Protein backbone atom coordinates (compact mmCIF):
# COMPACT_ATOMS: atom_id res chain seq x y z
CA MET A 1 -0.37 -0.04 -0.04
CA LYS A 2 3.16 2.18 0.82
CA LYS A 3 4.19 2.14 -2.87
CA GLN A 4 1.25 2.64 -4.19
CA LEU A 5 0.41 6.18 -2.51
CA GLU A 6 4.36 6.56 -3.54
CA TYR A 7 3.38 5.89 -7.25
CA ILE A 8 -0.04 8.38 -7.08
CA ASN A 9 2.12 10.56 -5.55
CA LEU A 10 4.49 10.52 -8.40
CA ALA A 11 1.56 10.63 -11.05
CA ASN A 12 -0.16 13.33 -9.12
CA ASN A 13 2.17 15.55 -8.53
CA ILE A 14 6.02 15.30 -10.17
CA SER A 15 5.42 16.98 -13.94
CA LEU A 16 6.15 14.44 -16.39
CA ASP A 17 9.51 15.74 -17.96
CA LYS A 18 11.13 15.34 -13.97
CA LEU A 19 9.55 11.81 -13.75
CA LEU A 20 10.82 10.47 -17.24
CA LEU A 21 14.32 11.65 -16.11
CA GLU A 22 14.26 9.74 -12.63
CA PHE A 23 12.59 6.95 -14.10
CA PRO A 24 13.30 6.01 -17.77
CA VAL A 25 11.46 3.05 -18.19
CA ILE A 26 8.14 5.08 -18.07
CA ALA A 27 8.42 5.88 -21.47
CA ASP A 28 7.97 2.32 -22.10
CA PHE A 29 4.59 2.56 -20.04
CA LEU A 30 3.58 5.37 -22.08
CA ASP A 31 4.56 4.19 -25.83
CA ASN A 32 2.93 1.03 -24.69
CA LEU A 33 -0.54 2.79 -24.92
CA ARG A 34 0.40 5.10 -27.92
CA LEU A 35 0.96 8.21 -25.40
CA ASN A 36 4.33 9.25 -25.96
CA SER A 37 2.94 12.59 -27.26
CA LEU A 38 1.82 13.64 -23.90
CA PRO A 39 2.66 17.44 -22.43
CA THR A 40 6.08 17.12 -20.25
CA GLU A 41 5.48 19.94 -18.17
CA MET A 42 2.61 18.50 -16.60
CA PRO A 43 2.44 15.65 -14.07
CA LEU A 44 1.48 12.73 -15.72
CA MET A 45 -2.00 12.36 -14.39
CA GLU A 46 -3.30 15.60 -15.72
CA ALA A 47 -1.59 15.16 -18.97
CA ILE A 48 -3.48 11.89 -19.39
CA LYS A 49 -6.80 14.23 -18.75
CA THR A 50 -5.79 15.64 -22.27
CA VAL A 51 -6.32 12.93 -24.32
CA ASN A 52 -9.08 12.09 -26.47
CA GLY A 53 -11.01 8.93 -24.34
CA GLU A 54 -11.17 6.90 -27.75
CA VAL A 55 -7.41 6.44 -27.93
CA LEU A 56 -7.20 4.75 -24.54
CA GLU A 57 -10.47 2.52 -25.41
CA GLU A 58 -8.72 0.91 -27.88
CA PHE A 59 -6.65 -0.47 -25.04
CA GLY A 60 -9.63 -1.18 -22.33
CA LEU A 61 -9.00 1.74 -20.46
CA ASP A 62 -10.38 4.89 -19.57
CA HIS A 63 -8.44 8.62 -17.75
CA HIS A 64 -8.95 6.69 -13.85
CA SER A 65 -7.91 3.13 -15.36
CA VAL A 66 -4.72 4.30 -16.39
CA LEU A 67 -3.66 5.09 -13.06
CA GLN A 68 -4.30 1.14 -11.57
CA SER A 69 -2.03 0.43 -14.89
CA PHE A 70 0.90 2.99 -13.93
CA ARG A 71 0.71 1.59 -10.37
CA GLU A 72 0.75 -1.83 -11.35
CA PHE A 73 3.83 -0.91 -14.19
CA MET A 74 5.54 0.82 -11.64
CA ASP A 75 5.29 -2.69 -9.37
CA ILE A 76 6.43 -4.83 -12.11
CA PHE A 77 9.48 -2.70 -12.74
CA MET A 78 10.57 -1.88 -8.73
CA GLN A 79 11.23 -4.61 -7.99
CA ASP A 80 14.22 -5.60 -9.38
CA GLU A 81 15.73 -2.15 -8.29
CA SER A 82 17.36 -4.14 -4.91
CA PRO A 83 18.02 -7.73 -4.20
CA ALA A 84 14.98 -9.26 -2.17
CA VAL A 85 17.79 -9.93 0.53
CA ASN A 86 19.97 -7.63 2.13
CA VAL A 87 22.84 -9.92 2.36
CA GLN A 88 25.38 -9.16 4.73
CA SER A 89 27.29 -12.23 4.37
CA LEU A 90 27.73 -15.80 2.86
CA THR A 91 28.84 -19.13 4.20
CA ILE A 92 30.67 -22.17 2.44
CA ILE A 93 29.73 -25.27 3.78
CA GLY A 94 32.39 -28.00 2.24
CA GLY A 95 31.26 -30.97 0.43
CA CYS A 96 33.75 -33.07 -1.25
CA ASN A 97 36.44 -33.17 -3.90
CA LYS A 98 36.94 -35.23 -7.16
CA THR A 99 37.49 -38.52 -5.55
CA GLY A 100 34.99 -37.78 -2.23
CA GLU A 101 37.09 -36.95 0.30
CA LEU A 102 35.31 -34.52 2.50
CA GLU A 103 36.20 -30.77 2.49
CA ASN A 104 35.16 -30.15 6.40
CA VAL A 105 35.02 -26.81 5.86
CA GLU A 106 32.96 -23.36 6.59
CA PHE A 107 34.05 -20.53 5.75
CA LYS A 108 31.95 -17.29 6.02
CA ILE A 109 32.37 -13.91 4.25
CA ASN A 110 31.38 -10.52 4.64
CA SER A 111 30.14 -7.41 2.74
CA GLY A 112 32.83 -5.93 1.29
CA ASP A 113 35.78 -9.01 1.36
CA VAL A 114 37.33 -9.60 -1.32
CA ILE A 115 38.41 -13.30 -1.57
CA SER A 116 40.78 -15.11 -4.36
CA ILE A 117 40.53 -18.43 -5.54
CA VAL A 118 43.82 -20.29 -6.72
CA GLY A 119 45.00 -23.67 -7.39
CA PRO A 120 45.92 -25.24 -10.83
CA THR A 121 44.48 -24.96 -14.40
CA GLY A 122 41.40 -27.65 -13.90
CA SER A 123 41.65 -28.22 -10.27
CA GLY A 124 38.16 -26.83 -9.65
CA LYS A 125 38.48 -22.99 -8.79
CA SER A 126 35.33 -22.46 -11.96
CA ARG A 127 33.41 -25.23 -9.96
CA LEU A 128 33.43 -23.22 -6.65
CA LEU A 129 32.04 -20.31 -8.75
CA ASN A 130 29.61 -22.21 -10.13
CA ASP A 131 28.46 -23.05 -6.60
CA ILE A 132 28.04 -20.00 -6.16
CA GLU A 133 26.45 -18.70 -8.30
CA CYS A 134 23.79 -20.97 -8.06
CA LEU A 135 23.70 -21.06 -4.40
CA ALA A 136 23.73 -24.74 -4.22
CA GLN A 137 22.52 -26.29 -1.71
CA GLY A 138 23.77 -29.93 -1.85
CA ASP A 139 22.70 -30.50 -5.48
CA THR A 140 25.67 -29.74 -7.48
CA PRO A 141 28.68 -32.40 -8.07
CA THR A 142 30.59 -31.38 -5.01
CA ASN A 143 27.64 -31.49 -2.38
CA ARG A 144 28.51 -27.89 -1.11
CA ARG A 145 25.95 -25.58 0.74
CA ILE A 146 25.57 -21.59 0.27
CA LEU A 147 24.11 -20.01 3.15
CA ILE A 148 22.93 -16.41 2.76
CA ASN A 149 23.17 -14.60 6.02
CA GLY A 150 23.53 -17.97 7.82
CA ASN A 151 20.43 -19.31 6.26
CA GLU A 152 19.88 -22.02 3.82
CA LEU A 153 17.76 -20.64 0.36
CA ASP A 154 14.61 -22.55 -0.58
CA ASP A 155 14.59 -23.56 -4.09
CA ASN A 156 11.81 -20.44 -4.78
CA GLN A 157 13.79 -17.85 -3.40
CA ARG A 158 17.16 -19.29 -5.50
CA PHE A 159 15.22 -19.53 -8.35
CA GLU A 160 13.34 -16.09 -7.98
CA MET A 161 16.47 -14.64 -7.06
CA GLU A 162 18.56 -15.86 -9.97
CA GLY A 163 20.76 -12.85 -11.19
CA LYS A 164 19.78 -10.53 -8.63
CA LEU A 165 22.09 -11.31 -5.76
CA VAL A 166 24.66 -13.35 -7.90
CA ALA A 167 26.70 -11.37 -10.74
CA GLN A 168 29.04 -13.02 -12.70
CA LEU A 169 31.97 -11.98 -15.28
CA SER A 170 33.23 -14.56 -16.95
CA GLN A 171 36.40 -14.76 -19.19
CA ASN A 172 34.63 -14.13 -22.43
CA MET A 173 32.19 -11.35 -22.91
CA ASN A 174 30.25 -11.30 -26.04
CA PHE A 175 27.90 -8.95 -26.89
CA VAL A 176 25.15 -10.15 -29.89
CA MET A 177 23.27 -6.79 -30.02
CA ASP A 178 24.72 -4.38 -32.46
CA LEU A 179 24.43 -1.05 -30.23
CA THR A 180 27.06 1.43 -29.37
CA VAL A 181 28.61 1.80 -26.05
CA ARG A 182 25.98 4.24 -25.21
CA GLU A 183 23.33 2.99 -25.98
CA PHE A 184 24.14 -0.12 -24.44
CA LEU A 185 24.41 1.83 -21.13
CA GLU A 186 21.31 3.70 -21.53
CA MET A 187 19.42 0.40 -21.94
CA HIS A 188 21.15 -0.82 -19.18
CA ALA A 189 20.53 1.93 -16.63
CA LYS A 190 16.58 2.41 -18.32
CA SER A 191 15.95 -1.51 -17.52
CA ARG A 192 17.00 -0.80 -13.77
CA LEU A 193 15.37 2.48 -13.00
CA THR A 194 18.71 4.12 -12.66
CA ALA A 195 17.84 7.63 -10.85
CA ASN A 196 20.36 10.10 -12.61
CA ALA A 197 20.97 8.05 -15.67
CA GLU A 198 23.10 10.24 -17.54
CA ASP A 199 25.17 10.84 -14.89
CA ILE A 200 25.67 7.08 -14.19
CA VAL A 201 26.15 6.25 -17.84
CA ALA A 202 28.80 9.06 -17.78
CA LYS A 203 30.35 7.78 -15.11
CA CYS A 204 30.23 4.17 -16.43
CA PHE A 205 31.72 5.42 -19.69
CA ALA A 206 34.83 7.27 -18.33
CA CYS A 207 35.52 4.39 -15.50
CA ALA A 208 35.08 1.26 -18.06
CA ASN A 209 37.85 3.77 -20.38
CA ASP A 210 40.03 4.09 -17.13
CA LEU A 211 40.17 0.52 -16.97
CA ALA A 212 40.84 -0.51 -20.22
CA GLY A 213 44.18 -0.58 -22.09
CA GLU A 214 43.09 0.63 -25.31
CA LYS A 215 40.33 3.35 -25.19
CA PHE A 216 37.44 3.62 -27.01
CA ALA A 217 34.50 5.78 -27.81
CA GLU A 218 30.76 5.84 -27.02
CA THR A 219 29.93 5.29 -30.61
CA THR A 220 32.02 2.42 -30.37
CA LYS A 221 29.91 -0.76 -31.33
CA VAL A 222 30.11 -3.06 -28.31
CA THR A 223 30.72 -6.01 -30.98
CA GLN A 224 33.76 -4.14 -32.01
CA LEU A 225 35.68 -4.08 -28.60
CA SER A 226 38.23 -6.33 -27.47
CA GLY A 227 38.10 -8.63 -24.95
CA GLY A 228 39.54 -6.38 -22.46
CA GLN A 229 37.58 -3.33 -23.29
CA SER A 230 34.44 -5.43 -22.76
CA ARG A 231 35.39 -6.93 -19.92
CA ALA A 232 36.05 -3.44 -18.14
CA LEU A 233 33.03 -1.79 -20.00
CA MET A 234 31.36 -4.96 -17.54
CA ILE A 235 33.27 -4.47 -14.75
CA ALA A 236 32.24 -0.54 -14.64
CA ASP A 237 28.84 -1.38 -15.19
CA THR A 238 28.45 -3.82 -12.71
CA ALA A 239 29.93 -1.11 -10.16
CA TYR A 240 27.25 1.57 -10.94
CA MET A 241 24.35 -0.03 -12.00
CA SER A 242 23.99 -4.10 -11.04
CA ASN A 243 22.84 -4.29 -7.68
CA SER A 244 24.03 -7.95 -7.15
CA PRO A 245 25.56 -7.81 -3.74
CA ILE A 246 27.92 -10.84 -4.66
CA VAL A 247 30.20 -10.61 -7.90
CA LEU A 248 32.09 -14.04 -9.20
CA ILE A 249 35.44 -12.70 -11.71
CA ASP A 250 37.16 -15.25 -13.36
CA GLU A 251 41.07 -15.13 -14.19
CA ILE A 252 40.61 -11.18 -14.83
CA GLU A 253 44.18 -11.05 -15.37
CA ASN A 254 43.61 -12.40 -18.95
CA ALA A 255 41.49 -9.39 -19.22
CA GLY A 256 44.36 -7.01 -20.68
CA ILE A 257 42.80 -3.96 -18.13
CA ASP A 258 44.09 -2.81 -14.94
CA ARG A 259 42.57 -5.66 -12.72
CA ARG A 260 43.81 -3.80 -9.06
CA ARG A 261 41.76 -0.47 -9.64
CA ALA A 262 38.64 -3.05 -11.30
CA ILE A 263 38.76 -4.92 -7.99
CA GLU A 264 39.03 -1.71 -5.60
CA LEU A 265 36.16 -0.20 -7.16
CA LEU A 266 33.69 -3.33 -6.91
CA ALA A 267 35.09 -3.51 -2.97
CA LYS A 268 34.41 0.11 -2.53
CA ARG A 269 30.45 -0.65 -3.58
CA ASP A 270 30.07 -2.84 -0.19
CA LYS A 271 29.98 -5.96 -2.28
CA ILE A 272 31.50 -9.65 -1.43
CA ILE A 273 34.20 -10.28 -4.54
CA PHE A 274 35.33 -13.60 -5.20
CA VAL A 275 38.36 -13.80 -7.74
CA SER A 276 39.59 -16.98 -9.27
CA THR A 277 42.91 -16.25 -10.51
CA HIS A 278 46.56 -16.87 -11.45
CA ASP A 279 47.94 -13.72 -9.96
CA PRO A 280 50.40 -13.28 -7.23
CA LEU A 281 49.31 -9.64 -6.99
CA LEU A 282 45.45 -10.16 -7.28
CA ALA A 283 45.83 -13.74 -4.68
CA LEU A 284 47.56 -11.46 -2.45
CA SER A 285 45.97 -8.12 -2.32
CA GLY A 286 42.34 -10.13 -1.15
CA ASP A 287 41.55 -10.50 2.47
CA LYS A 288 41.88 -14.00 2.22
CA ARG A 289 42.27 -16.92 -0.41
CA ILE A 290 40.65 -20.34 -1.18
CA VAL A 291 43.59 -22.73 -2.30
CA ILE A 292 41.50 -25.44 -4.67
CA LYS A 293 43.35 -29.00 -5.33
CA ASN A 294 41.84 -32.04 -6.89
CA GLY A 295 38.52 -30.63 -7.16
CA GLY A 296 37.78 -29.39 -3.67
CA ILE A 297 39.28 -26.91 -1.25
CA PHE A 298 42.39 -27.64 0.27
CA LYS A 299 43.13 -24.83 2.40
CA ILE A 300 41.90 -20.91 3.51
CA ILE A 301 44.58 -19.19 4.04
CA GLU A 302 44.01 -15.11 5.68
CA ALA A 303 46.66 -12.36 4.24
CA SER A 304 49.04 -11.90 6.96
CA GLU A 305 51.34 -9.03 7.08
CA GLU A 306 54.27 -10.56 6.00
CA GLU A 307 52.78 -11.20 2.58
CA ARG A 308 51.57 -7.55 2.07
CA GLN A 309 54.36 -6.39 3.06
CA SER A 310 55.91 -8.23 -0.12
CA LEU A 311 53.17 -6.82 -2.42
CA HIS A 312 55.22 -3.38 -3.05
CA ALA A 313 58.13 -6.07 -4.50
CA ILE A 314 55.62 -7.49 -6.83
CA GLU A 315 54.02 -4.20 -7.27
CA GLN A 316 57.30 -2.76 -8.38
CA LEU A 317 57.77 -6.22 -11.09
CA ASP A 318 54.30 -5.91 -12.21
CA ASN A 319 55.14 -2.15 -12.72
CA LYS A 320 58.44 -3.16 -14.70
CA LEU A 321 56.70 -5.87 -16.92
CA LEU A 322 53.43 -3.43 -18.08
CA LYS A 323 55.70 -0.94 -19.01
CA LEU A 324 57.46 -4.30 -21.55
CA ARG A 325 54.29 -4.67 -22.07
CA ASN A 326 53.32 -1.36 -23.09
CA ARG A 327 56.54 -0.67 -25.29
CA LEU A 328 55.33 -3.79 -27.02
CA ARG A 329 52.02 -2.66 -28.19
CA SER A 330 53.24 0.97 -29.39
CA GLY A 331 55.97 -0.77 -31.68
CA GLU A 332 59.17 -0.15 -29.78
CA LEU A 333 62.06 -2.04 -30.01
CA ILE A 334 63.29 -3.92 -26.90
CA ILE A 335 66.78 -3.84 -27.17
CA GLU A 336 68.55 -1.82 -23.49
CA ASP A 337 68.66 -3.62 -20.45
CA ILE A 338 65.20 -4.45 -18.30
């Protein structure tokens, strides 16, 4: 009831132009009823009264029932504005490895934590990410269970919230729509009812360009972006637009982006971050790291002060390698001592 009163207030007291600025998705509501030429200086319901009744009759509506349709429309889309659960913690309860040996682990991660997942190729890092993505309840090959805020989720909660609680950034980002970068960001902002959408789109674009190795334009087609540019765009999008409180990232070091800045950006948004990585710089930058062996959780290591002190030397080496890569990319010859 409280939300319905809020929607009535929006429709009756805020000019349509301001309403569309705050909730761009309302344009879809108007388009569906062929009301896209309403006077925008008026509140929505006052503007509706200027419409010929015959136009509304085509949809079985009158001036009064449009308000009810507006409330129902907003109810549907506002459900996606934030996750149904305020995630304060995620707990991994161990299952078994590839040979059936028990993991014997119960591991709690809090909001804002960055957890790295390390292990040889094929050891099962992606399997752990998949268990977290589907909020496993002992129904995957590993038999692990994932708790949210210390509680198990029933099937209705798991599948109703799919795509809300967990966002996954895989190694390969493939776009199928031939939109420009700006059109893609505007579409996503509109679908999420993002407030101040124009500012957020601008922030996302600037952030993506800061993270990417090679700059791109707002008019660049998303299908023309390189793998690194695509990953940078989706990380910026996840940071500024996605409401998902849990983010899974698979081998970000292969994306050709500023990976440490990307992780720091997401962590500042109070999300729980899991990063599968072979990169010592990323692995040691996390709060904890999960070591995977033979398909199971072999060890959980909390970052020590001694390890953190070694990061400086690793960063110096990484910066030197980055300079070499940039020189190669720009066509320079590597003939002097490094």
